[in-house]
Amino acid sequence: MAGNASSTERAERRQVAALPWRRGGDGVEILLITSRETRRWVTPKGGRMTGKTDAEAAAQEALEEAGVEGFVDERPLGSFRYLKVLKRRAPRWCTVDLYGLEVRTELADWQERPERERVWLSREEAARRVDEPDLQALIAAFDP
């Protein structure tokens, strides 16, 4: 079977993500953003970064993709998988460690603002809007 493995059977890519949250009038709220290519609702995420812990890398992604800063948990809330689909590239499975990020600053302008939307939602609504079942479960169970 060597040489016949499909692109989705290659080694999974490891990524990190932030779960930006705040306490609102009705309880905990979660910030979601749209992905650049498919416009699905997602959490800020990206690759691991040399010289940064995974938690620090997740916080950096939240700043670049969602324009938020705050206190990031050093321990992941859990992990989820998704199939990363890019134009002109074969799909690839990614495993993502998710880190809670208590938002203290929300910027009016940030690096990827022209490419994304962001929205604050209840835990329940945020869980409904994301596609990945494991991420839905992590958001629904999140209790800071």
N, C-alpha and C. Protein backbone atom coordinates (compact mmCIF):
# COMPACT_ATOMS: atom_id res chain seq x y z
N MET A 1 0.83 -1.19 0.00
CA MET A 1 0.00 0.00 0.00
C MET A 1 0.87 1.26 0.00
N ALA A 2 2.16 1.09 0.19
CA ALA A 2 3.05 2.25 0.22
C ALA A 2 2.92 3.04 -1.07
N GLY A 3 2.92 4.36 -0.91
CA GLY A 3 2.81 5.23 -2.07
C GLY A 3 1.38 5.50 -2.50
N ASN A 4 0.42 4.76 -1.95
CA ASN A 4 -0.97 4.96 -2.32
C ASN A 4 -1.77 5.69 -1.25
N ALA A 5 -1.12 6.13 -0.19
CA ALA A 5 -1.84 6.81 0.90
C ALA A 5 -2.43 8.11 0.37
N SER A 6 -3.67 8.33 0.72
CA SER A 6 -4.30 9.58 0.30
C SER A 6 -3.73 10.73 1.12
N SER A 7 -3.94 11.94 0.64
CA SER A 7 -3.40 13.10 1.33
C SER A 7 -3.96 13.25 2.73
N THR A 8 -5.17 12.74 2.98
CA THR A 8 -5.75 12.87 4.31
C THR A 8 -5.21 11.82 5.27
N GLU A 9 -4.37 10.88 4.77
CA GLU A 9 -3.79 9.86 5.64
C GLU A 9 -2.37 10.23 6.07
N ARG A 10 -1.83 11.32 5.56
CA ARG A 10 -0.49 11.75 5.97
C ARG A 10 -0.53 12.11 7.45
N ALA A 11 0.66 12.29 8.02
CA ALA A 11 0.74 12.65 9.44
C ALA A 11 -0.09 13.91 9.69
N GLU A 12 -0.83 13.88 10.78
CA GLU A 12 -1.66 15.04 11.10
C GLU A 12 -0.80 16.23 11.47
N ARG A 13 -1.27 17.38 11.10
CA ARG A 13 -0.61 18.62 11.44
C ARG A 13 -1.07 19.05 12.83
N ARG A 14 -0.17 19.55 13.64
CA ARG A 14 -0.50 20.03 14.98
C ARG A 14 -0.67 21.54 14.93
N GLN A 15 -1.75 22.02 15.55
CA GLN A 15 -2.00 23.45 15.61
C GLN A 15 -2.41 23.84 17.03
N VAL A 16 -2.48 25.14 17.26
CA VAL A 16 -2.96 25.68 18.53
C VAL A 16 -4.08 26.66 18.23
N ALA A 17 -5.00 26.80 19.19
CA ALA A 17 -6.11 27.73 19.02
C ALA A 17 -6.42 28.40 20.35
N ALA A 18 -7.01 29.56 20.26
CA ALA A 18 -7.48 30.28 21.44
C ALA A 18 -9.00 30.20 21.50
N LEU A 19 -9.53 30.12 22.71
CA LEU A 19 -10.96 30.26 22.93
C LEU A 19 -11.14 31.57 23.68
N PRO A 20 -11.30 32.69 22.93
CA PRO A 20 -11.45 33.98 23.60
C PRO A 20 -12.81 34.05 24.31
N TRP A 21 -12.80 34.52 25.57
CA TRP A 21 -14.04 34.58 26.34
C TRP A 21 -14.03 35.82 27.24
N ARG A 22 -15.23 36.19 27.69
CA ARG A 22 -15.40 37.28 28.65
C ARG A 22 -16.68 37.00 29.43
N ARG A 23 -16.82 37.71 30.54
CA ARG A 23 -18.06 37.62 31.31
C ARG A 23 -18.95 38.78 30.89
N GLY A 24 -20.13 38.44 30.37
CA GLY A 24 -21.09 39.45 29.96
C GLY A 24 -22.24 39.51 30.95
N GLY A 25 -23.23 40.30 30.64
CA GLY A 25 -24.38 40.45 31.52
C GLY A 25 -25.15 39.17 31.72
N ASP A 26 -25.12 38.28 30.73
CA ASP A 26 -25.85 37.02 30.81
C ASP A 26 -24.92 35.82 31.00
N GLY A 27 -23.71 36.07 31.48
CA GLY A 27 -22.78 34.97 31.72
C GLY A 27 -21.61 34.99 30.76
N VAL A 28 -20.98 33.84 30.61
CA VAL A 28 -19.79 33.73 29.77
C VAL A 28 -20.16 33.89 28.29
N GLU A 29 -19.36 34.69 27.60
CA GLU A 29 -19.53 34.87 26.15
C GLU A 29 -18.25 34.42 25.46
N ILE A 30 -18.41 33.85 24.27
CA ILE A 30 -17.30 33.31 23.47
C ILE A 30 -17.19 34.14 22.19
N LEU A 31 -15.97 34.45 21.80
CA LEU A 31 -15.73 35.18 20.55
C LEU A 31 -15.37 34.20 19.45
N LEU A 32 -16.14 34.23 18.36
CA LEU A 32 -15.82 33.46 17.17
C LEU A 32 -15.49 34.41 16.04
N ILE A 33 -14.71 33.90 15.08
CA ILE A 33 -14.37 34.66 13.89
C ILE A 33 -14.67 33.81 12.67
N THR A 34 -14.74 34.46 11.51
CA THR A 34 -14.93 33.70 10.27
C THR A 34 -13.56 33.29 9.73
N SER A 35 -13.52 32.10 9.12
CA SER A 35 -12.30 31.69 8.45
C SER A 35 -12.16 32.52 7.17
N ARG A 36 -10.94 32.66 6.69
CA ARG A 36 -10.73 33.51 5.52
C ARG A 36 -11.27 32.91 4.24
N GLU A 37 -11.12 31.60 4.05
CA GLU A 37 -11.49 31.00 2.77
C GLU A 37 -12.92 30.49 2.74
N THR A 38 -13.34 29.75 3.76
CA THR A 38 -14.68 29.14 3.71
C THR A 38 -15.75 29.97 4.42
N ARG A 39 -15.33 30.97 5.20
CA ARG A 39 -16.24 31.87 5.94
C ARG A 39 -17.04 31.14 7.02
N ARG A 40 -16.54 29.97 7.44
CA ARG A 40 -17.18 29.26 8.56
C ARG A 40 -16.81 29.96 9.86
N TRP A 41 -17.61 29.74 10.90
CA TRP A 41 -17.30 30.28 12.22
C TRP A 41 -16.28 29.36 12.89
N VAL A 42 -15.18 29.95 13.37
CA VAL A 42 -14.07 29.20 13.94
C VAL A 42 -13.48 29.97 15.12
N THR A 43 -12.54 29.32 15.81
CA THR A 43 -11.74 29.99 16.83
C THR A 43 -10.43 30.42 16.17
N PRO A 44 -9.77 31.45 16.69
CA PRO A 44 -8.47 31.83 16.14
C PRO A 44 -7.48 30.68 16.32
N LYS A 45 -6.80 30.29 15.24
CA LYS A 45 -5.86 29.16 15.35
C LYS A 45 -4.78 29.28 14.30
N GLY A 46 -3.71 28.54 14.56
CA GLY A 46 -2.59 28.52 13.62
C GLY A 46 -1.54 27.54 14.08
N GLY A 47 -0.40 27.60 13.44
CA GLY A 47 0.69 26.67 13.74
C GLY A 47 1.40 27.01 15.02
N ARG A 48 2.12 26.02 15.52
CA ARG A 48 2.97 26.23 16.69
C ARG A 48 4.09 27.18 16.28
N MET A 49 4.64 27.93 17.24
CA MET A 49 5.64 28.96 16.93
C MET A 49 6.93 28.72 17.71
N THR A 50 8.04 28.75 16.99
CA THR A 50 9.35 28.62 17.61
C THR A 50 9.55 29.79 18.58
N GLY A 51 10.02 29.48 19.78
CA GLY A 51 10.30 30.52 20.76
C GLY A 51 9.11 30.90 21.62
N LYS A 52 7.93 30.31 21.34
CA LYS A 52 6.73 30.59 22.14
C LYS A 52 6.16 29.27 22.65
N THR A 53 5.57 29.32 23.84
CA THR A 53 4.83 28.15 24.28
C THR A 53 3.59 28.03 23.40
N ASP A 54 2.95 26.87 23.42
CA ASP A 54 1.73 26.71 22.63
C ASP A 54 0.66 27.70 23.08
N ALA A 55 0.58 27.95 24.39
CA ALA A 55 -0.40 28.92 24.90
C ALA A 55 -0.09 30.32 24.37
N GLU A 56 1.18 30.71 24.37
CA GLU A 56 1.57 32.02 23.83
C GLU A 56 1.28 32.12 22.34
N ALA A 57 1.50 31.03 21.61
CA ALA A 57 1.20 31.02 20.18
C ALA A 57 -0.30 31.17 19.94
N ALA A 58 -1.12 30.52 20.77
CA ALA A 58 -2.58 30.66 20.65
C ALA A 58 -2.99 32.11 20.91
N ALA A 59 -2.39 32.74 21.91
CA ALA A 59 -2.69 34.15 22.21
C ALA A 59 -2.27 35.05 21.04
N GLN A 60 -1.15 34.74 20.41
CA GLN A 60 -0.69 35.51 19.24
C GLN A 60 -1.69 35.39 18.09
N GLU A 61 -2.20 34.18 17.86
CA GLU A 61 -3.21 33.98 16.82
C GLU A 61 -4.47 34.79 17.12
N ALA A 62 -4.87 34.84 18.39
CA ALA A 62 -6.06 35.61 18.77
C ALA A 62 -5.85 37.09 18.47
N LEU A 63 -4.66 37.59 18.71
CA LEU A 63 -4.36 39.00 18.42
C LEU A 63 -4.40 39.26 16.92
N GLU A 64 -3.74 38.41 16.13
CA GLU A 64 -3.66 38.63 14.69
C GLU A 64 -5.00 38.42 13.99
N GLU A 65 -5.73 37.37 14.38
CA GLU A 65 -6.94 37.00 13.65
C GLU A 65 -8.21 37.65 14.19
N ALA A 66 -8.25 37.93 15.51
CA ALA A 66 -9.48 38.44 16.12
C ALA A 66 -9.30 39.80 16.79
N GLY A 67 -8.08 40.28 16.92
CA GLY A 67 -7.85 41.59 17.51
C GLY A 67 -8.15 41.65 19.00
N VAL A 68 -7.87 40.55 19.71
CA VAL A 68 -8.11 40.53 21.15
C VAL A 68 -6.84 40.11 21.89
N GLU A 69 -6.70 40.64 23.10
CA GLU A 69 -5.59 40.30 23.99
C GLU A 69 -6.14 40.02 25.37
N GLY A 70 -5.39 39.25 26.16
CA GLY A 70 -5.83 38.98 27.51
C GLY A 70 -4.94 37.96 28.19
N PHE A 71 -5.53 37.23 29.14
CA PHE A 71 -4.80 36.24 29.92
C PHE A 71 -5.08 34.85 29.35
N VAL A 72 -4.01 34.17 28.93
CA VAL A 72 -4.17 32.84 28.32
C VAL A 72 -3.82 31.77 29.36
N ASP A 73 -4.61 30.71 29.39
CA ASP A 73 -4.32 29.57 30.26
C ASP A 73 -3.15 28.80 29.67
N GLU A 74 -2.23 28.35 30.52
CA GLU A 74 -1.07 27.59 30.06
C GLU A 74 -1.42 26.14 29.75
N ARG A 75 -2.53 25.66 30.30
CA ARG A 75 -2.95 24.28 30.04
C ARG A 75 -4.10 24.27 29.06
N PRO A 76 -4.06 23.39 28.05
CA PRO A 76 -5.16 23.35 27.08
C PRO A 76 -6.46 22.85 27.70
N LEU A 77 -7.56 23.33 27.16
CA LEU A 77 -8.89 22.87 27.57
C LEU A 77 -9.16 21.48 27.02
N GLY A 78 -8.48 21.14 25.95
CA GLY A 78 -8.66 19.87 25.26
C GLY A 78 -8.21 20.05 23.82
N SER A 79 -8.55 19.09 22.98
CA SER A 79 -8.16 19.20 21.58
C SER A 79 -9.31 18.76 20.68
N PHE A 80 -9.23 19.20 19.42
CA PHE A 80 -10.22 18.81 18.42
C PHE A 80 -9.51 18.61 17.09
N ARG A 81 -10.18 17.91 16.19
CA ARG A 81 -9.64 17.66 14.85
C ARG A 81 -10.53 18.35 13.82
N TYR A 82 -9.90 18.75 12.72
CA TYR A 82 -10.68 19.25 11.58
C TYR A 82 -9.89 18.99 10.31
N LEU A 83 -10.60 18.96 9.20
CA LEU A 83 -9.98 18.75 7.90
C LEU A 83 -9.70 20.12 7.28
N LYS A 84 -8.44 20.47 7.20
CA LYS A 84 -8.04 21.77 6.64
C LYS A 84 -8.08 21.66 5.12
N VAL A 85 -8.89 22.51 4.51
CA VAL A 85 -9.04 22.51 3.06
C VAL A 85 -8.56 23.86 2.54
N LEU A 86 -7.55 23.85 1.71
CA LEU A 86 -7.02 25.07 1.12
C LEU A 86 -7.13 24.99 -0.39
N LYS A 87 -7.30 26.14 -1.01
CA LYS A 87 -7.33 26.18 -2.47
C LYS A 87 -6.02 25.65 -3.03
N ARG A 88 -6.09 24.87 -4.08
CA ARG A 88 -4.92 24.35 -4.79
C ARG A 88 -4.02 23.46 -3.94
N ARG A 89 -4.55 22.92 -2.84
CA ARG A 89 -3.78 21.99 -2.01
C ARG A 89 -4.68 20.85 -1.56
N ALA A 90 -4.09 19.70 -1.32
CA ALA A 90 -4.85 18.55 -0.84
C ALA A 90 -5.29 18.79 0.60
N PRO A 91 -6.49 18.33 0.97
CA PRO A 91 -6.96 18.47 2.35
C PRO A 91 -6.04 17.72 3.31
N ARG A 92 -5.97 18.20 4.54
CA ARG A 92 -5.11 17.57 5.54
C ARG A 92 -5.75 17.67 6.92
N TRP A 93 -5.73 16.55 7.65
CA TRP A 93 -6.26 16.56 9.01
C TRP A 93 -5.33 17.31 9.93
N CYS A 94 -5.92 18.11 10.82
CA CYS A 94 -5.17 18.85 11.83
C CYS A 94 -5.73 18.51 13.21
N THR A 95 -4.83 18.37 14.17
CA THR A 95 -5.21 18.23 15.56
C THR A 95 -4.85 19.53 16.25
N VAL A 96 -5.82 20.12 16.96
CA VAL A 96 -5.67 21.45 17.51
C VAL A 96 -5.84 21.42 19.03
N ASP A 97 -4.85 21.94 19.76
CA ASP A 97 -4.99 22.12 21.21
C ASP A 97 -5.61 23.50 21.44
N LEU A 98 -6.66 23.53 22.27
CA LEU A 98 -7.44 24.75 22.51
C LEU A 98 -7.11 25.33 23.88
N TYR A 99 -6.78 26.64 23.91
CA TYR A 99 -6.40 27.34 25.13
C TYR A 99 -7.40 28.46 25.43
N GLY A 100 -7.88 28.51 26.66
CA GLY A 100 -8.77 29.59 27.07
C GLY A 100 -8.01 30.91 27.11
N LEU A 101 -8.65 31.97 26.65
CA LEU A 101 -8.05 33.31 26.66
C LEU A 101 -9.09 34.28 27.20
N GLU A 102 -8.89 34.74 28.44
CA GLU A 102 -9.80 35.72 29.02
C GLU A 102 -9.47 37.08 28.42
N VAL A 103 -10.39 37.61 27.61
CA VAL A 103 -10.15 38.84 26.86
C VAL A 103 -10.21 40.05 27.78
N ARG A 104 -9.17 40.87 27.73
CA ARG A 104 -9.10 42.13 28.48
C ARG A 104 -9.09 43.33 27.54
N THR A 105 -8.64 43.14 26.31
CA THR A 105 -8.55 44.24 25.34
C THR A 105 -9.12 43.76 24.01
N GLU A 106 -10.02 44.56 23.44
CA GLU A 106 -10.59 44.27 22.12
C GLU A 106 -10.26 45.46 21.23
N LEU A 107 -9.39 45.23 20.25
CA LEU A 107 -8.94 46.30 19.37
C LEU A 107 -9.98 46.63 18.30
N ALA A 108 -10.08 47.91 17.94
CA ALA A 108 -10.99 48.32 16.87
C ALA A 108 -10.40 47.98 15.51
N ASP A 109 -9.07 47.91 15.43
CA ASP A 109 -8.41 47.59 14.18
C ASP A 109 -7.30 46.58 14.49
N TRP A 110 -7.13 45.59 13.62
CA TRP A 110 -6.10 44.57 13.84
C TRP A 110 -5.69 44.00 12.49
N GLN A 111 -4.66 43.17 12.51
CA GLN A 111 -4.00 42.69 11.29
C GLN A 111 -4.96 42.08 10.27
N GLU A 112 -5.84 41.18 10.69
CA GLU A 112 -6.69 40.47 9.72
C GLU A 112 -8.13 40.99 9.70
N ARG A 113 -8.35 42.18 10.22
CA ARG A 113 -9.71 42.75 10.25
C ARG A 113 -10.38 42.79 8.88
N PRO A 114 -9.66 43.19 7.80
CA PRO A 114 -10.34 43.24 6.49
C PRO A 114 -10.79 41.87 5.98
N GLU A 115 -10.23 40.80 6.53
CA GLU A 115 -10.51 39.46 6.01
C GLU A 115 -11.49 38.65 6.85
N ARG A 116 -11.88 39.16 8.01
CA ARG A 116 -12.67 38.36 8.94
C ARG A 116 -13.79 39.17 9.60
N GLU A 117 -14.80 38.44 10.05
CA GLU A 117 -15.81 39.00 10.93
C GLU A 117 -15.59 38.39 12.30
N ARG A 118 -16.03 39.09 13.35
CA ARG A 118 -15.99 38.51 14.69
C ARG A 118 -17.31 38.79 15.38
N VAL A 119 -17.69 37.87 16.29
CA VAL A 119 -18.96 38.02 16.98
C VAL A 119 -18.85 37.39 18.37
N TRP A 120 -19.44 38.07 19.37
CA TRP A 120 -19.55 37.52 20.72
C TRP A 120 -20.87 36.79 20.83
N LEU A 121 -20.80 35.58 21.39
CA LEU A 121 -21.99 34.73 21.49
C LEU A 121 -22.03 34.03 22.84
N SER A 122 -23.22 33.59 23.23
CA SER A 122 -23.33 32.73 24.41
C SER A 122 -22.58 31.43 24.12
N ARG A 123 -22.22 30.71 25.17
CA ARG A 123 -21.57 29.41 24.98
C ARG A 123 -22.40 28.50 24.09
N GLU A 124 -23.70 28.46 24.35
CA GLU A 124 -24.59 27.57 23.61
C GLU A 124 -24.62 27.93 22.13
N GLU A 125 -24.74 29.23 21.81
CA GLU A 125 -24.80 29.65 20.41
C GLU A 125 -23.46 29.44 19.72
N ALA A 126 -22.36 29.72 20.43
CA ALA A 126 -21.04 29.50 19.85
C ALA A 126 -20.85 28.02 19.51
N ALA A 127 -21.27 27.14 20.40
CA ALA A 127 -21.14 25.70 20.16
C ALA A 127 -21.96 25.29 18.94
N ARG A 128 -23.13 25.89 18.76
CA ARG A 128 -23.97 25.57 17.60
C ARG A 128 -23.34 26.04 16.28
N ARG A 129 -22.63 27.14 16.32
CA ARG A 129 -22.12 27.74 15.07
C ARG A 129 -20.86 27.09 14.52
N VAL A 130 -20.07 26.43 15.38
CA VAL A 130 -18.86 25.78 14.86
C VAL A 130 -19.23 24.40 14.32
N ASP A 131 -18.46 23.91 13.36
CA ASP A 131 -18.78 22.65 12.68
C ASP A 131 -18.21 21.41 13.35
N GLU A 132 -17.06 21.52 14.01
CA GLU A 132 -16.36 20.35 14.52
C GLU A 132 -17.01 19.86 15.81
N PRO A 133 -17.47 18.59 15.84
CA PRO A 133 -18.15 18.08 17.04
C PRO A 133 -17.32 18.17 18.32
N ASP A 134 -16.01 17.90 18.25
CA ASP A 134 -15.17 17.98 19.46
C ASP A 134 -15.04 19.42 19.94
N LEU A 135 -14.96 20.37 19.01
CA LEU A 135 -14.91 21.78 19.40
C LEU A 135 -16.25 22.22 19.99
N GLN A 136 -17.34 21.75 19.41
CA GLN A 136 -18.67 22.05 19.97
C GLN A 136 -18.73 21.61 21.43
N ALA A 137 -18.25 20.40 21.70
CA ALA A 137 -18.29 19.86 23.07
C ALA A 137 -17.38 20.67 24.01
N LEU A 138 -16.21 21.06 23.55
CA LEU A 138 -15.30 21.85 24.39
C LEU A 138 -15.93 23.20 24.74
N ILE A 139 -16.56 23.84 23.78
CA ILE A 139 -17.19 25.15 24.03
C ILE A 139 -18.38 24.97 24.97
N ALA A 140 -19.21 23.99 24.72
CA ALA A 140 -20.41 23.77 25.55
C ALA A 140 -20.04 23.49 27.00
N ALA A 141 -18.92 22.78 27.21
CA ALA A 141 -18.49 22.41 28.56
C ALA A 141 -17.62 23.46 29.23
N PHE A 142 -17.22 24.51 28.49
CA PHE A 142 -16.28 25.51 29.04
C PHE A 142 -16.90 26.23 30.23
N ASP A 143 -16.19 26.21 31.35
CA ASP A 143 -16.67 26.86 32.57
C ASP A 143 -15.46 27.44 33.30
N PRO A 144 -15.13 28.69 33.00
CA PRO A 144 -13.91 29.28 33.58
C PRO A 144 -13.98 29.43 35.09
